[in-house]
Amino acid sequence: MILLIVLLVFACEEQDKVVDGRTIYKKNCVICHGAKGDMGAGGAYNLAVSKLSLEERIHVVTNGRKAMAAYKKVLSEEEIAAVAAYTQSLKLEK
């Protein structure tokens, strides 16, 4: 019974966590794309001028593109969607 209660509490805590695209970006993307998305290290695309839709960004993050690694085995679908959405805000911050 105690184990069941512990599992239920843990499951509820996991559901309450908010996926933060900015934090994921800083951890995984800033090294090549830079804080504002315009660094371009190693041929990284300038996200501040990208015209990709959210769906296209999700596809690129999931599957990679050219020198960019795929993140489908690194991030969950929710994390990929969150970081892709965050990258859309970079053109506003420039």
N, C-alpha and C. Protein backbone atom coordinates (compact mmCIF):
# COMPACT_ATOMS: atom_id res chain seq x y z
N MET A 1 0.82 -1.20 0.00
CA MET A 1 0.00 0.00 0.00
C MET A 1 0.86 1.26 0.00
N ILE A 2 1.91 1.26 0.80
CA ILE A 2 2.81 2.42 0.85
C ILE A 2 3.47 2.63 -0.51
N LEU A 3 3.88 1.54 -1.14
CA LEU A 3 4.50 1.63 -2.46
C LEU A 3 3.54 2.25 -3.46
N LEU A 4 2.29 1.87 -3.41
CA LEU A 4 1.28 2.42 -4.31
C LEU A 4 1.13 3.93 -4.10
N ILE A 5 1.11 4.37 -2.88
CA ILE A 5 1.00 5.80 -2.57
C ILE A 5 2.21 6.56 -3.09
N VAL A 6 3.39 6.01 -2.87
CA VAL A 6 4.62 6.65 -3.36
C VAL A 6 4.59 6.76 -4.88
N LEU A 7 4.18 5.71 -5.56
CA LEU A 7 4.10 5.74 -7.01
C LEU A 7 3.09 6.77 -7.51
N LEU A 8 1.96 6.88 -6.85
CA LEU A 8 0.95 7.87 -7.23
C LEU A 8 1.45 9.30 -7.03
N VAL A 9 2.13 9.54 -5.94
CA VAL A 9 2.68 10.87 -5.68
C VAL A 9 3.72 11.21 -6.74
N PHE A 10 4.60 10.27 -7.04
CA PHE A 10 5.64 10.49 -8.05
C PHE A 10 5.01 10.76 -9.41
N ALA A 11 3.99 10.01 -9.78
CA ALA A 11 3.32 10.19 -11.07
C ALA A 11 2.67 11.56 -11.17
N CYS A 12 2.06 12.02 -10.10
CA CYS A 12 1.44 13.35 -10.09
C CYS A 12 2.48 14.45 -10.21
N GLU A 13 3.60 14.30 -9.55
CA GLU A 13 4.67 15.30 -9.64
C GLU A 13 5.20 15.38 -11.06
N GLU A 14 5.36 14.25 -11.74
CA GLU A 14 5.87 14.23 -13.11
C GLU A 14 4.92 14.95 -14.05
N GLN A 15 3.62 14.81 -13.85
CA GLN A 15 2.64 15.46 -14.72
C GLN A 15 2.62 16.96 -14.52
N ASP A 16 2.99 17.43 -13.35
CA ASP A 16 2.95 18.85 -13.05
C ASP A 16 4.16 19.61 -13.60
N LYS A 17 5.19 18.91 -14.03
CA LYS A 17 6.39 19.57 -14.54
C LYS A 17 6.08 20.23 -15.88
N VAL A 18 6.49 21.48 -16.00
CA VAL A 18 6.30 22.22 -17.23
C VAL A 18 7.55 22.06 -18.09
N VAL A 19 7.35 21.76 -19.35
CA VAL A 19 8.47 21.62 -20.27
C VAL A 19 8.85 23.02 -20.73
N ASP A 20 10.08 23.42 -20.46
CA ASP A 20 10.56 24.76 -20.75
C ASP A 20 11.50 24.74 -21.96
N GLY A 21 11.00 25.21 -23.09
CA GLY A 21 11.79 25.21 -24.32
C GLY A 21 13.06 26.04 -24.21
N ARG A 22 13.00 27.12 -23.47
CA ARG A 22 14.19 27.98 -23.32
C ARG A 22 15.31 27.24 -22.59
N THR A 23 14.98 26.53 -21.54
CA THR A 23 15.98 25.76 -20.79
C THR A 23 16.57 24.66 -21.66
N ILE A 24 15.72 23.98 -22.41
CA ILE A 24 16.19 22.92 -23.30
C ILE A 24 17.10 23.50 -24.37
N TYR A 25 16.72 24.65 -24.92
CA TYR A 25 17.55 25.33 -25.93
C TYR A 25 18.92 25.67 -25.35
N LYS A 26 18.94 26.24 -24.17
CA LYS A 26 20.21 26.62 -23.54
C LYS A 26 21.10 25.41 -23.30
N LYS A 27 20.50 24.28 -22.97
CA LYS A 27 21.27 23.08 -22.68
C LYS A 27 21.79 22.40 -23.95
N ASN A 28 21.00 22.40 -25.02
CA ASN A 28 21.32 21.60 -26.20
C ASN A 28 21.68 22.37 -27.46
N CYS A 29 21.24 23.60 -27.59
CA CYS A 29 21.32 24.29 -28.88
C CYS A 29 22.24 25.51 -28.90
N VAL A 30 22.40 26.14 -27.75
CA VAL A 30 23.12 27.41 -27.69
C VAL A 30 24.58 27.28 -28.14
N ILE A 31 25.16 26.12 -27.99
CA ILE A 31 26.57 25.91 -28.35
C ILE A 31 26.80 26.19 -29.84
N CYS A 32 25.84 25.87 -30.68
CA CYS A 32 25.99 26.11 -32.12
C CYS A 32 25.18 27.32 -32.60
N HIS A 33 23.96 27.47 -32.08
CA HIS A 33 23.08 28.53 -32.56
C HIS A 33 23.25 29.84 -31.80
N GLY A 34 23.85 29.80 -30.61
CA GLY A 34 24.04 31.00 -29.82
C GLY A 34 22.80 31.39 -29.05
N ALA A 35 22.97 32.28 -28.09
CA ALA A 35 21.87 32.69 -27.21
C ALA A 35 20.72 33.36 -27.97
N LYS A 36 21.04 34.06 -29.05
CA LYS A 36 20.01 34.75 -29.83
C LYS A 36 19.66 34.00 -31.11
N GLY A 37 20.25 32.82 -31.30
CA GLY A 37 19.93 32.01 -32.46
C GLY A 37 20.70 32.36 -33.71
N ASP A 38 21.62 33.34 -33.61
CA ASP A 38 22.30 33.84 -34.80
C ASP A 38 23.81 33.61 -34.83
N MET A 39 24.32 32.70 -34.00
CA MET A 39 25.77 32.50 -33.91
C MET A 39 26.33 31.75 -35.12
N GLY A 40 25.68 30.69 -35.54
CA GLY A 40 26.10 29.98 -36.75
C GLY A 40 27.35 29.14 -36.62
N ALA A 41 27.70 28.69 -35.44
CA ALA A 41 28.90 27.86 -35.27
C ALA A 41 28.71 26.52 -35.99
N GLY A 42 29.74 26.08 -36.69
CA GLY A 42 29.70 24.79 -37.38
C GLY A 42 28.65 24.73 -38.47
N GLY A 43 28.28 25.88 -39.02
CA GLY A 43 27.28 25.91 -40.08
C GLY A 43 25.85 25.94 -39.59
N ALA A 44 25.65 26.14 -38.29
CA ALA A 44 24.29 26.18 -37.73
C ALA A 44 23.50 27.31 -38.38
N TYR A 45 22.26 27.04 -38.72
CA TYR A 45 21.41 28.01 -39.38
C TYR A 45 21.06 29.16 -38.44
N ASN A 46 20.91 30.34 -38.97
CA ASN A 46 20.53 31.52 -38.21
C ASN A 46 19.03 31.44 -37.91
N LEU A 47 18.69 31.10 -36.69
CA LEU A 47 17.29 30.93 -36.30
C LEU A 47 16.54 32.25 -36.24
N ALA A 48 17.27 33.35 -36.09
CA ALA A 48 16.63 34.66 -36.00
C ALA A 48 16.01 35.09 -37.33
N VAL A 49 16.43 34.47 -38.43
CA VAL A 49 15.86 34.81 -39.74
C VAL A 49 15.12 33.62 -40.37
N SER A 50 15.01 32.52 -39.64
CA SER A 50 14.36 31.33 -40.17
C SER A 50 12.88 31.59 -40.46
N LYS A 51 12.43 31.06 -41.58
CA LYS A 51 11.03 31.18 -41.95
C LYS A 51 10.30 29.84 -41.82
N LEU A 52 10.94 28.87 -41.15
CA LEU A 52 10.32 27.57 -40.96
C LEU A 52 9.10 27.67 -40.06
N SER A 53 8.08 26.89 -40.38
CA SER A 53 6.90 26.82 -39.53
C SER A 53 7.24 26.01 -38.28
N LEU A 54 6.34 26.01 -37.31
CA LEU A 54 6.55 25.23 -36.10
C LEU A 54 6.70 23.75 -36.44
N GLU A 55 5.86 23.25 -37.33
CA GLU A 55 5.93 21.84 -37.72
C GLU A 55 7.27 21.51 -38.38
N GLU A 56 7.75 22.40 -39.21
CA GLU A 56 9.06 22.19 -39.87
C GLU A 56 10.19 22.22 -38.85
N ARG A 57 10.10 23.10 -37.89
CA ARG A 57 11.12 23.16 -36.83
C ARG A 57 11.11 21.88 -36.00
N ILE A 58 9.93 21.40 -35.68
CA ILE A 58 9.82 20.14 -34.93
C ILE A 58 10.47 19.01 -35.73
N HIS A 59 10.24 18.99 -37.02
CA HIS A 59 10.83 17.96 -37.88
C HIS A 59 12.36 18.05 -37.86
N VAL A 60 12.90 19.25 -37.96
CA VAL A 60 14.36 19.43 -37.97
C VAL A 60 14.96 19.01 -36.63
N VAL A 61 14.36 19.43 -35.54
CA VAL A 61 14.89 19.06 -34.22
C VAL A 61 14.79 17.55 -34.03
N THR A 62 13.70 16.97 -34.45
CA THR A 62 13.50 15.53 -34.29
C THR A 62 14.49 14.72 -35.13
N ASN A 63 14.64 15.07 -36.39
CA ASN A 63 15.40 14.26 -37.33
C ASN A 63 16.78 14.80 -37.70
N GLY A 64 17.07 16.03 -37.29
CA GLY A 64 18.34 16.64 -37.65
C GLY A 64 18.32 17.16 -39.07
N ARG A 65 19.40 17.86 -39.43
CA ARG A 65 19.52 18.41 -40.78
C ARG A 65 20.98 18.71 -41.03
N LYS A 66 21.51 18.24 -42.13
CA LYS A 66 22.93 18.43 -42.48
C LYS A 66 23.80 18.06 -41.29
N ALA A 67 24.56 19.00 -40.73
CA ALA A 67 25.47 18.69 -39.62
C ALA A 67 24.76 18.60 -38.27
N MET A 68 23.51 19.04 -38.22
CA MET A 68 22.77 19.01 -36.95
C MET A 68 22.31 17.60 -36.62
N ALA A 69 22.57 17.19 -35.40
CA ALA A 69 22.16 15.86 -34.93
C ALA A 69 20.66 15.79 -34.72
N ALA A 70 20.11 14.60 -34.84
CA ALA A 70 18.70 14.35 -34.53
C ALA A 70 18.56 14.24 -33.01
N TYR A 71 17.47 14.76 -32.50
CA TYR A 71 17.23 14.74 -31.05
C TYR A 71 16.10 13.79 -30.66
N LYS A 72 15.61 12.97 -31.59
CA LYS A 72 14.49 12.09 -31.28
C LYS A 72 14.81 11.06 -30.22
N LYS A 73 16.07 10.73 -30.03
CA LYS A 73 16.46 9.78 -28.99
C LYS A 73 16.97 10.47 -27.74
N VAL A 74 17.05 11.79 -27.79
CA VAL A 74 17.57 12.57 -26.67
C VAL A 74 16.46 13.29 -25.92
N LEU A 75 15.49 13.82 -26.65
CA LEU A 75 14.40 14.61 -26.07
C LEU A 75 13.06 13.93 -26.32
N SER A 76 12.12 14.16 -25.42
CA SER A 76 10.76 13.65 -25.62
C SER A 76 10.06 14.50 -26.69
N GLU A 77 8.93 14.02 -27.18
CA GLU A 77 8.16 14.79 -28.16
C GLU A 77 7.76 16.14 -27.60
N GLU A 78 7.39 16.16 -26.32
CA GLU A 78 7.00 17.42 -25.68
C GLU A 78 8.17 18.39 -25.59
N GLU A 79 9.35 17.88 -25.27
CA GLU A 79 10.54 18.73 -25.19
C GLU A 79 10.93 19.26 -26.56
N ILE A 80 10.82 18.43 -27.57
CA ILE A 80 11.13 18.87 -28.95
C ILE A 80 10.16 19.96 -29.36
N ALA A 81 8.88 19.78 -29.10
CA ALA A 81 7.88 20.80 -29.45
C ALA A 81 8.15 22.10 -28.70
N ALA A 82 8.54 21.99 -27.44
CA ALA A 82 8.80 23.19 -26.63
C ALA A 82 10.01 23.95 -27.14
N VAL A 83 11.09 23.25 -27.47
CA VAL A 83 12.28 23.94 -27.96
C VAL A 83 12.02 24.52 -29.35
N ALA A 84 11.28 23.81 -30.18
CA ALA A 84 10.94 24.33 -31.50
C ALA A 84 10.11 25.61 -31.37
N ALA A 85 9.15 25.62 -30.47
CA ALA A 85 8.34 26.82 -30.24
C ALA A 85 9.21 27.96 -29.71
N TYR A 86 10.14 27.64 -28.82
CA TYR A 86 11.03 28.68 -28.30
C TYR A 86 11.86 29.30 -29.41
N THR A 87 12.32 28.51 -30.37
CA THR A 87 13.16 29.06 -31.42
C THR A 87 12.39 30.09 -32.26
N GLN A 88 11.08 29.98 -32.29
CA GLN A 88 10.29 30.98 -33.02
C GLN A 88 10.36 32.35 -32.36
N SER A 89 10.59 32.38 -31.07
CA SER A 89 10.66 33.66 -30.36
C SER A 89 12.00 34.36 -30.55
N LEU A 90 13.00 33.66 -31.04
CA LEU A 90 14.33 34.24 -31.17
C LEU A 90 14.37 35.39 -32.15
N LYS A 91 13.56 35.35 -33.18
CA LYS A 91 13.54 36.46 -34.14
C LYS A 91 12.96 37.73 -33.53
N LEU A 92 12.17 37.57 -32.48
CA LEU A 92 11.61 38.72 -31.79
C LEU A 92 12.61 39.37 -30.85
N GLU A 93 13.56 38.56 -30.37
CA GLU A 93 14.53 39.06 -29.39
C GLU A 93 15.71 39.76 -30.04
N LYS A 94 15.86 39.60 -31.31
CA LYS A 94 17.05 40.12 -31.98
C LYS A 94 17.10 41.61 -32.03
